[in-house]
């Protein structure tokens, strides 16, 4: 496990960026639930979302942050 690194924004469209504020979240070794409040999506037309991007490190230069490993993402969903 490498150093703590920030996640780059989760994007649903060019108008939405949700940042996780705890870089240490990348160092959690077990399963972890990540809940993002739906108010973060208040200004987004969810019917217009075609992709979601989840990134770690520095966008455009992720290797500069160091660290290696595997992360799994599952059950990405919107719940009211």
N, C-alpha and C. Protein backbone atom coordinates (compact mmCIF):
# COMPACT_ATOMS: atom_id res chain seq x y z
N UNK A 1 0.85 -1.17 0.00
CA UNK A 1 0.00 0.00 0.00
C UNK A 1 0.90 1.23 0.00
N UNK A 2 0.58 2.19 -0.82
CA UNK A 2 1.37 3.41 -0.92
C UNK A 2 0.85 4.51 -0.03
N UNK A 3 1.32 5.70 -0.33
CA UNK A 3 0.92 6.87 0.43
C UNK A 3 -0.54 7.20 0.16
N UNK A 4 -1.13 7.95 1.07
CA UNK A 4 -2.50 8.42 0.87
C UNK A 4 -2.52 9.34 -0.33
N UNK A 5 -3.51 9.18 -1.19
CA UNK A 5 -3.62 10.04 -2.37
C UNK A 5 -5.06 10.53 -2.49
N UNK A 6 -5.23 11.73 -3.02
CA UNK A 6 -6.59 12.22 -3.20
C UNK A 6 -7.27 11.50 -4.36
N UNK A 7 -8.57 11.45 -4.32
CA UNK A 7 -9.33 10.92 -5.43
C UNK A 7 -9.63 12.08 -6.34
N UNK A 8 -9.55 11.87 -7.66
CA UNK A 8 -10.04 12.97 -8.47
C UNK A 8 -11.53 12.83 -8.63
N UNK A 9 -12.19 13.87 -9.07
CA UNK A 9 -13.64 13.94 -8.96
C UNK A 9 -14.38 12.78 -9.61
N UNK A 10 -15.48 12.43 -9.00
CA UNK A 10 -16.43 11.51 -9.61
C UNK A 10 -17.27 12.39 -10.51
N UNK A 11 -17.32 12.07 -11.79
CA UNK A 11 -18.00 12.95 -12.72
C UNK A 11 -19.17 12.25 -13.39
N UNK A 12 -20.30 12.91 -13.39
CA UNK A 12 -21.45 12.40 -14.11
C UNK A 12 -21.68 13.20 -15.38
N UNK A 13 -21.14 14.37 -15.44
CA UNK A 13 -21.17 15.22 -16.63
C UNK A 13 -20.15 16.33 -16.39
N UNK A 14 -19.95 17.17 -17.37
CA UNK A 14 -18.95 18.22 -17.22
C UNK A 14 -19.30 19.22 -16.13
N UNK A 15 -20.53 19.19 -15.63
CA UNK A 15 -20.94 20.17 -14.63
C UNK A 15 -20.90 19.62 -13.21
N UNK A 16 -20.48 18.40 -13.00
CA UNK A 16 -20.53 17.80 -11.67
C UNK A 16 -19.16 17.28 -11.25
N UNK A 17 -18.73 17.69 -10.07
CA UNK A 17 -17.49 17.18 -9.48
C UNK A 17 -17.76 16.96 -7.99
N UNK A 18 -17.62 15.75 -7.54
CA UNK A 18 -17.78 15.43 -6.12
C UNK A 18 -16.43 14.95 -5.63
N UNK A 19 -15.84 15.67 -4.71
CA UNK A 19 -14.53 15.30 -4.19
C UNK A 19 -14.65 14.63 -2.83
N UNK A 20 -13.87 13.62 -2.62
CA UNK A 20 -13.76 12.98 -1.32
C UNK A 20 -12.65 13.71 -0.60
N UNK A 21 -12.92 14.17 0.60
CA UNK A 21 -11.98 15.05 1.28
C UNK A 21 -10.93 14.34 2.11
N UNK A 22 -10.99 13.02 2.21
CA UNK A 22 -10.04 12.29 3.05
C UNK A 22 -9.11 11.44 2.19
N UNK A 23 -7.88 11.94 1.91
CA UNK A 23 -6.95 11.17 1.10
C UNK A 23 -6.61 9.81 1.72
N UNK A 24 -6.73 9.68 3.04
CA UNK A 24 -6.43 8.41 3.69
C UNK A 24 -7.44 7.32 3.32
N UNK A 25 -8.54 7.70 2.68
CA UNK A 25 -9.53 6.70 2.25
C UNK A 25 -8.92 5.69 1.29
N UNK A 26 -7.85 6.07 0.60
CA UNK A 26 -7.20 5.14 -0.33
C UNK A 26 -6.35 4.11 0.39
N UNK A 27 -6.19 4.26 1.69
CA UNK A 27 -5.37 3.32 2.46
C UNK A 27 -6.18 2.33 3.29
N UNK A 28 -7.49 2.39 3.17
CA UNK A 28 -8.34 1.45 3.90
C UNK A 28 -8.14 0.06 3.29
N UNK A 29 -7.86 -0.92 4.13
CA UNK A 29 -7.53 -2.25 3.61
C UNK A 29 -8.74 -3.17 3.47
N UNK A 30 -9.84 -2.84 4.09
CA UNK A 30 -11.03 -3.68 3.99
C UNK A 30 -12.12 -3.01 3.18
N UNK A 31 -13.27 -3.67 3.11
CA UNK A 31 -14.41 -3.12 2.38
C UNK A 31 -14.88 -1.87 3.10
N UNK A 32 -15.27 -0.87 2.34
CA UNK A 32 -15.72 0.38 2.93
C UNK A 32 -16.89 0.93 2.11
N UNK A 33 -17.93 1.35 2.79
CA UNK A 33 -19.05 1.98 2.10
C UNK A 33 -18.78 3.47 2.00
N UNK A 34 -19.01 4.01 0.83
CA UNK A 34 -18.82 5.43 0.58
C UNK A 34 -20.15 6.01 0.19
N UNK A 35 -20.69 6.88 0.99
CA UNK A 35 -22.00 7.46 0.73
C UNK A 35 -21.81 8.92 0.34
N UNK A 36 -22.35 9.30 -0.80
CA UNK A 36 -22.32 10.69 -1.24
C UNK A 36 -23.76 11.18 -1.23
N UNK A 37 -24.02 12.22 -0.47
CA UNK A 37 -25.37 12.76 -0.33
C UNK A 37 -25.92 13.20 -1.68
N UNK A 38 -27.16 12.87 -1.95
CA UNK A 38 -27.77 13.23 -3.23
C UNK A 38 -27.84 14.74 -3.46
N UNK A 39 -27.73 15.54 -2.40
CA UNK A 39 -27.73 16.99 -2.61
C UNK A 39 -26.53 17.43 -3.43
N UNK A 40 -25.48 16.61 -3.48
CA UNK A 40 -24.32 16.93 -4.32
C UNK A 40 -24.70 16.91 -5.80
N UNK A 41 -25.81 16.26 -6.13
CA UNK A 41 -26.26 16.15 -7.51
C UNK A 41 -27.46 17.06 -7.81
N UNK A 42 -27.75 17.99 -6.91
CA UNK A 42 -28.96 18.81 -7.02
C UNK A 42 -29.05 19.58 -8.34
N UNK A 43 -27.94 20.04 -8.87
CA UNK A 43 -27.96 20.85 -10.09
C UNK A 43 -27.75 20.03 -11.36
N UNK A 44 -27.82 18.72 -11.25
CA UNK A 44 -27.53 17.85 -12.39
C UNK A 44 -28.81 17.17 -12.87
N UNK A 45 -29.00 17.16 -14.16
CA UNK A 45 -30.10 16.41 -14.77
C UNK A 45 -29.64 14.95 -14.86
N UNK A 46 -30.06 14.13 -13.93
CA UNK A 46 -29.58 12.75 -13.86
C UNK A 46 -29.99 11.92 -15.08
N UNK A 47 -30.97 12.39 -15.85
CA UNK A 47 -31.33 11.68 -17.07
C UNK A 47 -30.31 11.92 -18.17
N UNK A 48 -29.38 12.85 -17.94
CA UNK A 48 -28.37 13.19 -18.92
C UNK A 48 -27.00 12.60 -18.57
N UNK A 49 -26.93 11.77 -17.54
CA UNK A 49 -25.67 11.17 -17.13
C UNK A 49 -25.42 9.92 -17.96
N UNK A 50 -24.29 9.91 -18.68
CA UNK A 50 -23.94 8.76 -19.52
C UNK A 50 -22.79 7.94 -18.95
N UNK A 51 -21.93 8.58 -18.19
CA UNK A 51 -20.77 7.89 -17.63
C UNK A 51 -20.47 8.42 -16.24
N UNK A 52 -19.76 7.62 -15.48
CA UNK A 52 -19.23 8.03 -14.18
C UNK A 52 -17.75 7.67 -14.20
N UNK A 53 -16.91 8.61 -13.82
CA UNK A 53 -15.47 8.35 -13.78
C UNK A 53 -15.00 8.48 -12.34
N UNK A 54 -14.27 7.49 -11.87
CA UNK A 54 -13.69 7.52 -10.53
C UNK A 54 -12.19 7.46 -10.71
N UNK A 55 -11.50 8.46 -10.23
CA UNK A 55 -10.06 8.50 -10.42
C UNK A 55 -9.31 8.69 -9.12
N UNK A 56 -8.10 8.20 -9.06
CA UNK A 56 -7.26 8.33 -7.87
C UNK A 56 -5.95 9.00 -8.24
N UNK A 57 -5.43 9.79 -7.34
CA UNK A 57 -4.15 10.46 -7.58
C UNK A 57 -4.35 11.82 -8.20
N UNK A 58 -3.33 12.29 -8.86
CA UNK A 58 -3.37 13.58 -9.52
C UNK A 58 -3.78 13.37 -10.96
N UNK A 59 -4.89 13.96 -11.36
CA UNK A 59 -5.37 13.77 -12.72
C UNK A 59 -4.31 14.22 -13.71
N UNK A 60 -4.03 13.40 -14.70
CA UNK A 60 -3.02 13.72 -15.69
C UNK A 60 -1.64 13.22 -15.31
N UNK A 61 -1.44 12.88 -14.04
CA UNK A 61 -0.14 12.38 -13.58
C UNK A 61 -0.33 11.46 -12.38
N UNK A 62 -1.17 10.43 -12.50
CA UNK A 62 -1.46 9.60 -11.35
C UNK A 62 -0.26 8.87 -10.76
N UNK A 63 0.73 8.53 -11.58
CA UNK A 63 1.89 7.80 -11.07
C UNK A 63 2.73 8.66 -10.13
N UNK A 64 2.64 9.96 -10.25
CA UNK A 64 3.44 10.85 -9.40
C UNK A 64 3.08 10.72 -7.93
N UNK A 65 1.86 10.26 -7.63
CA UNK A 65 1.43 10.13 -6.25
C UNK A 65 1.95 8.86 -5.59
N UNK A 66 2.42 7.92 -6.37
CA UNK A 66 2.97 6.69 -5.81
C UNK A 66 1.90 5.71 -5.39
N UNK A 67 2.35 4.55 -4.96
CA UNK A 67 1.44 3.53 -4.47
C UNK A 67 0.95 2.62 -5.58
N UNK A 68 0.67 1.39 -5.19
CA UNK A 68 0.12 0.41 -6.12
C UNK A 68 -0.93 -0.40 -5.38
N UNK A 69 -1.71 -1.10 -6.10
CA UNK A 69 -2.71 -1.95 -5.48
C UNK A 69 -3.93 -2.07 -6.34
N UNK A 70 -4.94 -2.72 -5.81
CA UNK A 70 -6.18 -2.95 -6.53
C UNK A 70 -7.34 -2.41 -5.71
N UNK A 71 -8.23 -1.71 -6.36
CA UNK A 71 -9.46 -1.24 -5.72
C UNK A 71 -10.63 -1.79 -6.53
N UNK A 72 -11.66 -2.22 -5.85
CA UNK A 72 -12.86 -2.71 -6.50
C UNK A 72 -14.01 -1.77 -6.18
N UNK A 73 -14.81 -1.47 -7.18
CA UNK A 73 -15.99 -0.63 -7.00
C UNK A 73 -17.20 -1.45 -7.42
N UNK A 74 -18.20 -1.52 -6.55
CA UNK A 74 -19.40 -2.27 -6.91
C UNK A 74 -20.63 -1.57 -6.35
N UNK A 75 -21.75 -1.97 -6.85
CA UNK A 75 -23.03 -1.45 -6.37
C UNK A 75 -23.10 0.08 -6.38
N UNK A 76 -22.65 0.68 -7.46
CA UNK A 76 -22.78 2.13 -7.60
C UNK A 76 -24.23 2.39 -7.97
N UNK A 77 -24.92 3.18 -7.14
CA UNK A 77 -26.34 3.38 -7.36
C UNK A 77 -26.81 4.70 -6.76
N UNK A 78 -27.97 5.13 -7.17
CA UNK A 78 -28.62 6.30 -6.60
C UNK A 78 -29.78 5.81 -5.76
N UNK A 79 -29.82 6.24 -4.51
CA UNK A 79 -30.88 5.83 -3.59
C UNK A 79 -31.47 7.07 -2.96
N UNK A 80 -32.77 7.17 -2.99
CA UNK A 80 -33.45 8.32 -2.39
C UNK A 80 -33.74 8.06 -0.95
